[in-house]
Amino acid sequence: MKFDPRNNKFTAIFTGEILGAMLPSIILICLALFVAYKFIDPAPPRKIVIATGNNDINYNAFASIYGVFLKQEGITLETRPTSGDKENLRLLKDPDSEVDIAFIQDGEAHAEGAGTLLSLGSLYYQPVWIFCRCKLETTHLSALKGKKIAVGYSGNGTHTLVTTLLAESGVTADNSKLVETGGEEAAAALRKGKLDAAFFVDVPTSYVIRSMIEDKQLSLLSMDTAEAFSRKFSFLHHLVLPEGAMDLAHNVPAHDVHMVAPTATLVVKENMHPALVYLMMKVIAQVHGGAGLFNAKDEFPSAKDTDFPLSTQALNFYKSGLPIIDKYLPFWAATFVNRTLIVILPLLALLIPLTKIIPMIYVWLVKRKLFRYYGELRYLDTQLREIRTAEDQRLFVEKLNEIESKVINVQLPVPFSQYAYELRAHIELVRSKLQHQNYTQAEQQPS
């Protein structure tokens, strides 16, 4: 037999044994990978469709700002103009529409229900501004009974809210003229005297609001019932516009003005990808986190809205902020890491114990090849005292030789050769006991 210095034969044996020991573990790992693949979230889409509103300047303006931030993260924001909040809500509820996210005025869904939609929270206050050609002392909406009033365009949140406020104050289409118009159109009609009053749901920085509050012919109505409305309708907030807040130099307004305000909310479909939800939370925090006339810094975004339950990601955001990975990594990198962890963590749960179990299994498999010969050797050892004749001795020696021959032919990896030598040493021990027993028997025989 030619000596192989590289031990290729034993190396092949060793490799085969390792593979045999690791086969169950490999199967478990492949199973874990398959399960993780089946349940892992797919990569987030690269486009978001947002519903705004044709007549809402603020919704469209903020959507444009969101688009700039999202583009930096490789996401395209597509704006879907609509007739207003009602259509936004309908599109979100429609599983076949492509709209993923929409602006909804808080309180709009009270009548129709939230369905399975989820909220990302409130973005900013939308104060109700009431301008009228009336006396300054007018402080109750009931004073508008019998007047010609602009109540906003049909289908948007302003119309729904204003008609509710007026109805609660006893002003209805039966006793007053409610005109479905709003924005600049309503402002122009009010200045020309074609309207007696007009309601606007808008931010204080709006050009329409600024121009109307400076008009000496118009009065900004202060609602003494603002607190009562906020108690009755949970989606309304009682705000106070301080004296001089709009123009300190000219002291506009000349007195504190009590107002009610819903909030603008961002609502998403239930199946929106979690990574995109976190990204939107990051964006709206950047856009709406500053201080304003009616809110302190970092007051928005918030969980002030009442129509929709918060999404899991939004709830986590308001409790503890963004996940650490999303804070410090770009969106694509954070998404990759998060999705990878879903696969790695189950694998680690398997691999850590397997690193201890596999060596034990491997050692057992190698030793198992010799265990059966130990059993045969032990049996022979117990039969030593039963040897009575030369034939018994011959059979005994043959059996020992047979066991030894089998042990010599067992192929073991080099690191485990000691176990074979130990077994052969034990075979020699039994053989020596046999020889000693024969010698003793020979001495005891009579001469």
Protein backbone atom coordinates (compact mmCIF):
# COMPACT_ATOMS: atom_id res chain seq x y z
CA MET A 1 0.00 0.00 0.00
CA LYS A 2 1.41 3.37 -1.01
CA PHE A 3 1.53 5.97 1.77
CA ASP A 4 -0.43 9.14 0.99
CA PRO A 5 1.24 12.05 2.83
CA ARG A 6 -1.68 14.34 2.11
CA ASN A 7 -4.19 11.96 3.76
CA ASN A 8 -6.64 12.51 0.89
CA LYS A 9 -8.53 9.39 1.75
CA PHE A 10 -9.03 10.35 5.36
CA THR A 11 -9.86 13.91 4.36
CA ALA A 12 -12.65 12.62 2.15
CA ILE A 13 -13.93 10.48 5.01
CA PHE A 14 -13.80 13.42 7.38
CA THR A 15 -15.71 15.62 4.90
CA GLY A 16 -18.37 12.97 4.39
CA GLU A 17 -18.84 12.55 8.12
CA ILE A 18 -19.18 16.31 8.62
CA LEU A 19 -21.76 16.55 5.86
CA GLY A 20 -23.69 13.67 7.33
CA ALA A 21 -23.73 15.28 10.76
CA MET A 22 -24.71 18.66 9.37
CA LEU A 23 -27.43 17.42 7.01
CA PRO A 24 -30.30 17.82 9.54
CA SER A 25 -29.03 21.29 10.40
CA ILE A 26 -28.80 22.26 6.72
CA ILE A 27 -32.38 21.10 6.23
CA LEU A 28 -33.52 23.19 9.24
CA ILE A 29 -31.69 26.27 7.94
CA CYS A 30 -33.21 25.88 4.47
CA LEU A 31 -36.65 25.51 6.06
CA ALA A 32 -36.09 28.68 8.10
CA LEU A 33 -35.01 30.56 4.97
CA PHE A 34 -38.10 29.36 3.11
CA VAL A 35 -40.44 30.43 5.93
CA ALA A 36 -38.71 33.81 6.21
CA TYR A 37 -38.95 34.30 2.45
CA LYS A 38 -42.67 33.49 2.48
CA PHE A 39 -43.49 35.86 5.34
CA ILE A 40 -40.98 38.65 4.79
CA ASP A 41 -42.43 41.95 3.60
CA PRO A 42 -41.70 42.59 -0.06
CA ALA A 43 -39.53 45.54 -0.94
CA PRO A 44 -41.53 48.79 -0.68
CA PRO A 45 -42.83 50.29 -3.92
CA ARG A 46 -41.05 53.31 -5.34
CA LYS A 47 -44.22 55.35 -5.86
CA ILE A 48 -46.87 56.77 -3.54
CA VAL A 49 -50.15 58.24 -4.76
CA ILE A 50 -51.65 60.97 -2.57
CA ALA A 51 -55.15 62.44 -2.91
CA THR A 52 -55.38 66.19 -2.23
CA GLY A 53 -58.24 68.38 -3.53
CA ASN A 54 -58.65 70.81 -6.38
CA ASN A 55 -59.80 73.70 -4.20
CA ASP A 56 -57.52 73.17 -1.22
CA ILE A 57 -54.34 75.18 -1.68
CA ASN A 58 -52.79 73.92 1.54
CA TYR A 59 -53.24 70.24 0.74
CA ASN A 60 -51.65 70.69 -2.66
CA ALA A 61 -48.83 72.84 -1.29
CA PHE A 62 -47.92 70.35 1.41
CA ALA A 63 -48.12 67.47 -1.06
CA SER A 64 -45.54 69.29 -3.21
CA ILE A 65 -43.25 69.69 -0.21
CA TYR A 66 -43.62 66.02 0.69
CA GLY A 67 -42.67 65.16 -2.88
CA VAL A 68 -39.37 67.02 -2.55
CA PHE A 69 -38.40 65.14 0.62
CA LEU A 70 -39.52 61.78 -0.76
CA LYS A 71 -37.59 62.29 -3.99
CA GLN A 72 -34.41 62.58 -1.92
CA GLU A 73 -35.13 59.06 -0.66
CA GLY A 74 -35.79 57.68 -4.13
CA ILE A 75 -39.60 57.69 -3.81
CA THR A 76 -41.91 59.40 -6.31
CA LEU A 77 -45.02 61.11 -4.96
CA GLU A 78 -47.86 61.33 -7.44
CA THR A 79 -50.61 63.85 -6.64
CA ARG A 80 -54.21 62.92 -7.40
CA PRO A 81 -56.46 66.03 -7.54
CA THR A 82 -59.98 65.40 -6.20
CA SER A 83 -63.17 67.30 -5.43
CA GLY A 84 -62.36 67.28 -1.72
CA ASP A 85 -62.32 65.29 1.49
CA LYS A 86 -65.32 63.11 0.65
CA GLU A 87 -63.75 61.87 -2.56
CA ASN A 88 -60.42 61.40 -0.79
CA LEU A 89 -62.14 59.18 1.74
CA ARG A 90 -63.96 57.23 -0.97
CA LEU A 91 -60.74 56.63 -2.92
CA LEU A 92 -58.95 55.35 0.16
CA LYS A 93 -61.76 52.92 0.89
CA ASP A 94 -61.79 51.67 -2.70
CA PRO A 95 -59.40 48.67 -2.88
CA ASP A 96 -59.10 49.11 -6.64
CA SER A 97 -58.00 52.76 -6.52
CA GLU A 98 -54.30 53.50 -6.73
CA VAL A 99 -54.48 56.08 -3.93
CA ASP A 100 -52.27 55.13 -0.99
CA ILE A 101 -52.60 58.17 1.22
CA ALA A 102 -54.85 61.23 1.46
CA PHE A 103 -55.52 64.43 3.36
CA ILE A 104 -58.74 64.21 5.38
CA GLN A 105 -60.15 66.89 7.65
CA ASP A 106 -60.72 65.46 11.11
CA GLY A 107 -64.41 64.88 11.69
CA GLU A 108 -65.16 64.13 8.04
CA ALA A 109 -65.41 60.38 8.64
CA HIS A 110 -67.84 60.65 11.57
CA ALA A 111 -70.83 60.20 9.28
CA GLU A 112 -69.39 57.56 6.92
CA GLY A 113 -67.14 55.59 9.26
CA ALA A 114 -63.40 54.91 9.15
CA GLY A 115 -63.53 51.38 7.76
CA THR A 116 -60.08 49.78 7.78
CA LEU A 117 -58.25 53.04 7.16
CA LEU A 118 -55.45 54.13 9.48
CA SER A 119 -54.18 57.53 10.52
CA LEU A 120 -50.66 58.90 10.62
CA GLY A 121 -51.88 61.66 12.91
CA SER A 122 -52.80 65.33 12.78
CA LEU A 123 -50.64 67.74 10.79
CA TYR A 124 -51.86 71.21 11.75
CA TYR A 125 -54.90 73.14 12.99
CA GLN A 126 -57.46 74.29 10.44
CA PRO A 127 -59.19 77.21 12.19
CA VAL A 128 -62.70 78.20 11.15
CA TRP A 129 -62.63 81.87 10.13
CA ILE A 130 -66.01 83.60 10.02
CA PHE A 131 -66.07 86.93 8.19
CA CYS A 132 -69.27 88.86 7.98
CA ARG A 133 -70.73 92.23 7.12
CA CYS A 134 -72.10 92.54 10.62
CA LYS A 135 -71.61 94.34 13.91
CA LEU A 136 -68.46 93.67 15.92
CA GLU A 137 -70.49 92.55 18.93
CA THR A 138 -71.83 89.54 17.01
CA THR A 139 -70.49 86.49 18.90
CA HIS A 140 -73.05 83.77 18.22
CA LEU A 141 -73.72 81.91 15.00
CA SER A 142 -77.47 82.17 15.56
CA ALA A 143 -77.12 85.86 14.63
CA LEU A 144 -76.52 84.74 11.04
CA LYS A 145 -80.02 83.32 10.72
CA GLY A 146 -81.72 84.68 7.61
CA LYS A 147 -78.42 85.76 6.06
CA LYS A 148 -76.77 84.76 2.79
CA ILE A 149 -73.81 82.61 3.85
CA ALA A 150 -70.96 80.94 1.95
CA VAL A 151 -70.49 77.45 3.40
CA GLY A 152 -67.73 76.03 1.19
CA TYR A 153 -67.79 73.79 -1.84
CA SER A 154 -69.89 70.65 -1.72
CA GLY A 155 -67.79 67.56 -1.14
CA ASN A 156 -65.02 69.13 0.90
CA GLY A 157 -64.46 69.18 4.64
CA THR A 158 -65.33 72.87 4.98
CA HIS A 159 -68.88 72.32 3.72
CA THR A 160 -69.47 69.39 6.07
CA LEU A 161 -68.09 71.23 9.11
CA VAL A 162 -69.76 74.59 8.48
CA THR A 163 -73.21 73.13 7.87
CA THR A 164 -72.83 71.19 11.13
CA LEU A 165 -71.84 74.32 13.09
CA LEU A 166 -74.72 76.32 11.63
CA ALA A 167 -77.28 73.56 12.18
CA GLU A 168 -76.23 73.28 15.82
CA SER A 169 -76.79 77.06 16.10
CA GLY A 170 -80.23 76.90 14.49
CA VAL A 171 -79.15 78.16 11.06
CA THR A 172 -80.34 75.89 8.23
CA ALA A 173 -81.22 76.02 4.55
CA ASP A 174 -84.85 76.47 5.59
CA ASN A 175 -84.29 79.82 7.31
CA SER A 176 -81.16 81.10 5.55
CA LYS A 177 -79.49 81.15 2.15
CA LEU A 178 -76.55 78.72 2.21
CA VAL A 179 -74.32 79.21 -0.83
CA GLU A 180 -71.93 76.42 -1.84
CA THR A 181 -68.85 78.47 -2.60
CA GLY A 182 -65.53 79.07 -0.92
CA GLY A 183 -61.98 80.32 -1.21
CA GLU A 184 -61.25 83.40 -3.29
CA GLU A 185 -64.63 83.16 -4.97
CA ALA A 186 -66.43 83.49 -1.64
CA ALA A 187 -64.08 86.26 -0.51
CA ALA A 188 -64.75 88.30 -3.64
CA ALA A 189 -68.53 87.84 -3.29
CA LEU A 190 -68.39 88.95 0.35
CA ARG A 191 -66.42 92.09 -0.48
CA LYS A 192 -68.91 93.00 -3.20
CA GLY A 193 -71.84 92.61 -0.82
CA LYS A 194 -73.25 89.55 -2.60
CA LEU A 195 -72.86 87.61 0.65
CA ASP A 196 -73.53 88.55 4.27
CA ALA A 197 -71.07 86.07 5.75
CA ALA A 198 -68.57 83.46 4.67
CA PHE A 199 -66.81 80.59 6.41
CA PHE A 200 -63.23 79.63 5.64
CA VAL A 201 -61.31 76.67 7.05
CA ASP A 202 -57.74 77.75 6.47
CA VAL A 203 -54.37 78.45 8.04
CA PRO A 204 -53.56 81.99 9.29
CA THR A 205 -50.81 82.44 6.70
CA SER A 206 -53.29 82.06 3.84
CA TYR A 207 -53.41 84.96 1.38
CA VAL A 208 -57.22 84.88 1.42
CA ILE A 209 -57.36 85.16 5.21
CA ARG A 210 -54.71 87.91 5.33
CA SER A 211 -56.49 90.00 2.71
CA MET A 212 -59.89 89.68 4.37
CA ILE A 213 -58.73 90.46 7.89
CA GLU A 214 -57.27 93.73 6.60
CA ASP A 215 -60.57 94.72 4.96
CA LYS A 216 -62.21 97.35 7.16
CA GLN A 217 -65.66 96.54 5.78
CA LEU A 218 -65.53 93.02 7.18
CA SER A 219 -65.63 91.76 10.74
CA LEU A 220 -64.01 88.59 12.09
CA LEU A 221 -66.61 86.90 14.25
CA SER A 222 -65.48 85.63 17.66
CA MET A 223 -67.37 82.56 18.83
CA ASP A 224 -68.35 82.69 22.48
CA THR A 225 -69.60 79.14 22.02
CA ALA A 226 -66.21 77.81 20.86
CA GLU A 227 -65.61 75.92 24.08
CA ALA A 228 -69.09 74.42 23.97
CA PHE A 229 -68.52 73.19 20.42
CA SER A 230 -65.17 71.63 21.38
CA ARG A 231 -66.86 69.78 24.24
CA LYS A 232 -69.65 68.43 22.05
CA PHE A 233 -67.50 67.49 19.06
CA SER A 234 -64.28 65.74 20.01
CA PHE A 235 -62.64 66.57 16.68
CA LEU A 236 -62.92 70.34 17.33
CA HIS A 237 -60.37 72.33 19.33
CA HIS A 238 -60.95 75.66 21.02
CA LEU A 239 -58.33 78.17 19.83
CA VAL A 240 -57.80 81.81 20.71
CA LEU A 241 -56.39 84.27 18.20
CA PRO A 242 -54.73 86.88 20.48
CA GLU A 243 -55.25 90.60 20.05
CA GLY A 244 -52.72 91.97 17.55
CA ALA A 245 -51.57 88.47 16.47
CA MET A 246 -52.14 89.13 12.75
CA ASP A 247 -50.64 92.64 12.72
CA LEU A 248 -49.06 94.08 15.86
CA ALA A 249 -48.42 97.49 14.31
CA HIS A 250 -52.10 98.02 13.52
CA ASN A 251 -53.42 95.84 16.37
CA VAL A 252 -55.23 93.33 14.13
CA PRO A 253 -57.41 91.85 15.43
CA ALA A 254 -58.38 94.51 17.95
CA HIS A 255 -59.50 91.90 20.51
CA ASP A 256 -59.06 88.20 21.27
CA VAL A 257 -60.98 86.03 18.84
CA HIS A 258 -62.33 82.67 19.94
CA MET A 259 -62.37 80.04 17.22
CA VAL A 260 -62.89 76.33 16.69
CA ALA A 261 -60.58 74.19 14.59
CA PRO A 262 -60.38 70.62 13.38
CA THR A 263 -57.01 69.29 12.34
CA ALA A 264 -55.81 68.20 8.93
CA THR A 265 -54.96 64.52 9.07
CA LEU A 266 -53.03 62.14 6.87
CA VAL A 267 -54.83 58.82 6.34
CA VAL A 268 -53.45 55.67 4.71
CA LYS A 269 -54.72 52.34 3.53
CA GLU A 270 -54.29 49.44 5.91
CA ASN A 271 -51.94 47.60 3.53
CA MET A 272 -49.49 50.45 2.99
CA HIS A 273 -45.94 49.13 3.32
CA PRO A 274 -44.61 49.69 6.90
CA ALA A 275 -41.31 51.09 5.59
CA LEU A 276 -43.19 53.77 3.61
CA VAL A 277 -45.32 54.58 6.66
CA TYR A 278 -42.18 55.22 8.72
CA LEU A 279 -40.77 57.29 5.89
CA MET A 280 -43.94 59.39 5.77
CA MET A 281 -43.76 59.89 9.54
CA LYS A 282 -40.20 61.13 9.13
CA VAL A 283 -41.27 63.53 6.36
CA ILE A 284 -44.31 65.01 8.11
CA ALA A 285 -42.25 65.51 11.28
CA GLN A 286 -39.80 67.59 9.23
CA VAL A 287 -42.54 69.56 7.47
CA HIS A 288 -45.00 70.16 10.32
CA GLY A 289 -42.74 70.15 13.38
CA GLY A 290 -42.21 73.91 13.54
CA ALA A 291 -44.04 76.44 15.72
CA GLY A 292 -47.06 78.33 14.40
CA LEU A 293 -49.56 80.94 15.48
CA PHE A 294 -51.70 78.33 17.22
CA ASN A 295 -49.19 75.64 18.09
CA ALA A 296 -45.85 75.24 19.80
CA LYS A 297 -42.76 73.71 18.23
CA ASP A 298 -43.00 69.91 17.87
CA GLU A 299 -46.70 69.95 18.78
CA PHE A 300 -47.38 68.50 15.34
CA PRO A 301 -47.58 65.92 13.94
CA SER A 302 -49.62 64.47 16.78
CA ALA A 303 -52.31 61.98 17.67
CA LYS A 304 -55.01 64.67 18.05
CA ASP A 305 -57.31 63.25 15.37
CA THR A 306 -60.27 61.14 16.41
CA ASP A 307 -61.73 59.61 13.23
CA PHE A 308 -59.21 56.87 12.51
CA PRO A 309 -57.10 54.52 14.63
CA LEU A 310 -53.38 55.18 14.47
CA SER A 311 -51.28 52.81 12.41
CA THR A 312 -48.83 50.68 14.37
CA GLN A 313 -45.88 52.59 12.93
CA ALA A 314 -47.43 55.98 13.79
CA LEU A 315 -48.17 54.80 17.33
CA ASN A 316 -44.56 53.68 17.77
CA PHE A 317 -43.35 56.99 16.32
CA TYR A 318 -45.35 59.07 18.81
CA LYS A 319 -44.18 56.91 21.71
CA SER A 320 -40.48 56.60 20.95
CA GLY A 321 -39.70 58.29 17.63
CA LEU A 322 -38.27 56.60 14.56
CA PRO A 323 -36.50 53.23 14.84
CA ILE A 324 -32.74 53.67 15.31
CA ILE A 325 -31.96 52.29 11.86
CA ASP A 326 -34.36 54.74 10.17
CA LYS A 327 -32.83 57.66 12.09
CA TYR A 328 -29.28 57.21 10.86
CA LEU A 329 -29.52 55.42 7.52
CA PRO A 330 -30.95 56.48 4.17
CA PHE A 331 -34.33 54.98 3.38
CA TRP A 332 -33.04 52.34 0.94
CA ALA A 333 -30.31 51.22 3.36
CA ALA A 334 -32.66 51.11 6.36
CA THR A 335 -35.17 49.10 4.34
CA PHE A 336 -32.49 46.63 3.26
CA VAL A 337 -31.24 46.17 6.83
CA ASN A 338 -34.74 45.73 8.25
CA ARG A 339 -35.68 43.14 5.65
CA THR A 340 -32.37 41.32 6.09
CA LEU A 341 -32.81 41.14 9.86
CA ILE A 342 -36.10 39.34 9.37
CA VAL A 343 -34.11 36.53 7.75
CA ILE A 344 -30.98 36.69 9.92
CA LEU A 345 -32.66 36.65 13.34
CA PRO A 346 -34.47 33.31 12.83
CA LEU A 347 -31.27 31.85 11.39
CA LEU A 348 -29.27 32.99 14.41
CA ALA A 349 -31.86 31.42 16.68
CA LEU A 350 -31.11 28.12 14.91
CA LEU A 351 -27.38 28.49 14.33
CA ILE A 352 -26.36 29.39 17.89
CA PRO A 353 -27.62 26.13 19.43
CA LEU A 354 -26.59 24.19 16.33
CA THR A 355 -22.95 25.26 16.76
CA LYS A 356 -23.00 23.30 20.02
CA ILE A 357 -25.15 20.41 18.88
CA ILE A 358 -23.44 19.63 15.56
CA PRO A 359 -20.00 18.75 17.08
CA MET A 360 -21.72 16.49 19.61
CA ILE A 361 -23.70 14.74 16.88
CA TYR A 362 -20.59 14.35 14.74
CA VAL A 363 -18.55 12.81 17.56
CA TRP A 364 -21.42 10.43 18.34
CA LEU A 365 -21.68 9.36 14.70
CA VAL A 366 -17.95 8.60 14.54
CA LYS A 367 -17.87 6.70 17.84
CA ARG A 368 -21.00 4.79 16.85
CA LYS A 369 -18.91 2.86 14.28
CA LEU A 370 -16.86 1.37 17.15
CA PHE A 371 -19.61 1.02 19.77
CA ARG A 372 -20.95 -2.26 18.33
CA TYR A 373 -17.48 -3.85 18.53
CA TYR A 374 -17.24 -2.81 22.15
CA GLY A 375 -20.46 -4.69 22.71
CA GLU A 376 -19.05 -7.84 21.11
CA LEU A 377 -15.81 -7.49 23.08
CA ARG A 378 -17.67 -7.11 26.35
CA TYR A 379 -19.69 -10.22 25.63
CA LEU A 380 -16.50 -12.20 24.99
CA ASP A 381 -15.01 -10.84 28.20
CA THR A 382 -17.94 -12.20 30.17
CA GLN A 383 -17.54 -15.62 28.52
CA LEU A 384 -13.86 -16.16 29.52
CA ARG A 385 -14.77 -18.36 32.46
CA GLU A 386 -16.82 -20.62 30.19
CA ILE A 387 -13.76 -21.81 28.21
CA ARG A 388 -13.22 -25.49 28.96
CA THR A 389 -11.61 -27.02 25.91
CA ALA A 390 -8.99 -26.23 23.28
CA GLU A 391 -11.79 -25.87 20.75
CA ASP A 392 -13.43 -23.20 22.91
CA GLN A 393 -10.12 -21.36 23.11
CA ARG A 394 -9.62 -21.55 19.35
CA LEU A 395 -13.09 -20.14 18.65
CA PHE A 396 -12.52 -17.44 21.23
CA VAL A 397 -9.23 -16.37 19.62
CA GLU A 398 -10.81 -16.38 16.16
CA LYS A 399 -13.59 -14.13 17.38
CA LEU A 400 -11.07 -11.72 18.92
CA ASN A 401 -9.08 -11.66 15.70
CA GLU A 402 -12.26 -11.06 13.72
CA ILE A 403 -13.18 -8.07 15.90
CA GLU A 404 -9.66 -6.69 15.63
CA SER A 405 -9.70 -7.09 11.86
CA LYS A 406 -12.97 -5.20 11.63
CA VAL A 407 -11.62 -2.41 13.81
CA ILE A 408 -8.51 -2.11 11.65
CA ASN A 409 -10.67 -1.76 8.55
CA VAL A 410 -12.93 0.92 10.07
CA GLN A 411 -12.22 4.19 8.28
CA LEU A 412 -12.06 7.07 10.71
CA PRO A 413 -10.97 10.70 10.31
CA VAL A 414 -7.47 11.27 11.61
CA PRO A 415 -8.59 13.33 14.65
CA PHE A 416 -10.61 10.33 15.84
CA SER A 417 -7.98 7.60 15.30
CA GLN A 418 -7.35 7.41 19.05
CA TYR A 419 -10.74 5.74 19.56
CA ALA A 420 -9.73 2.88 17.22
CA TYR A 421 -6.40 2.46 19.01
CA GLU A 422 -8.15 2.43 22.36
CA LEU A 423 -10.48 -0.33 21.17
CA ARG A 424 -7.54 -2.38 19.84
CA ALA A 425 -5.79 -1.93 23.16
CA HIS A 426 -8.87 -3.25 24.91
CA ILE A 427 -8.93 -6.22 22.53
CA GLU A 428 -5.33 -6.94 23.53
CA LEU A 429 -6.37 -6.68 27.16
CA VAL A 430 -9.03 -9.37 26.69
CA ARG A 431 -6.52 -11.51 24.72
CA SER A 432 -4.00 -11.23 27.54
CA LYS A 433 -6.66 -12.25 30.04
CA LEU A 434 -7.38 -15.30 27.89
CA GLN A 435 -3.68 -16.25 27.80
CA HIS A 436 -3.34 -15.72 31.54
CA GLN A 437 -6.41 -17.88 32.18
CA ASN A 438 -4.96 -20.66 29.99
CA TYR A 439 -1.64 -20.45 31.81
CA THR A 440 -3.39 -20.70 35.17
CA GLN A 441 -5.43 -23.68 34.05
CA ALA A 442 -2.27 -25.42 32.81
CA GLU A 443 -0.61 -24.98 36.22
CA GLN A 444 -3.63 -26.40 38.01
CA GLN A 445 -3.70 -29.61 35.89
CA PRO A 446 -2.06 -32.69 37.58
CA SER A 447 1.25 -33.79 36.15
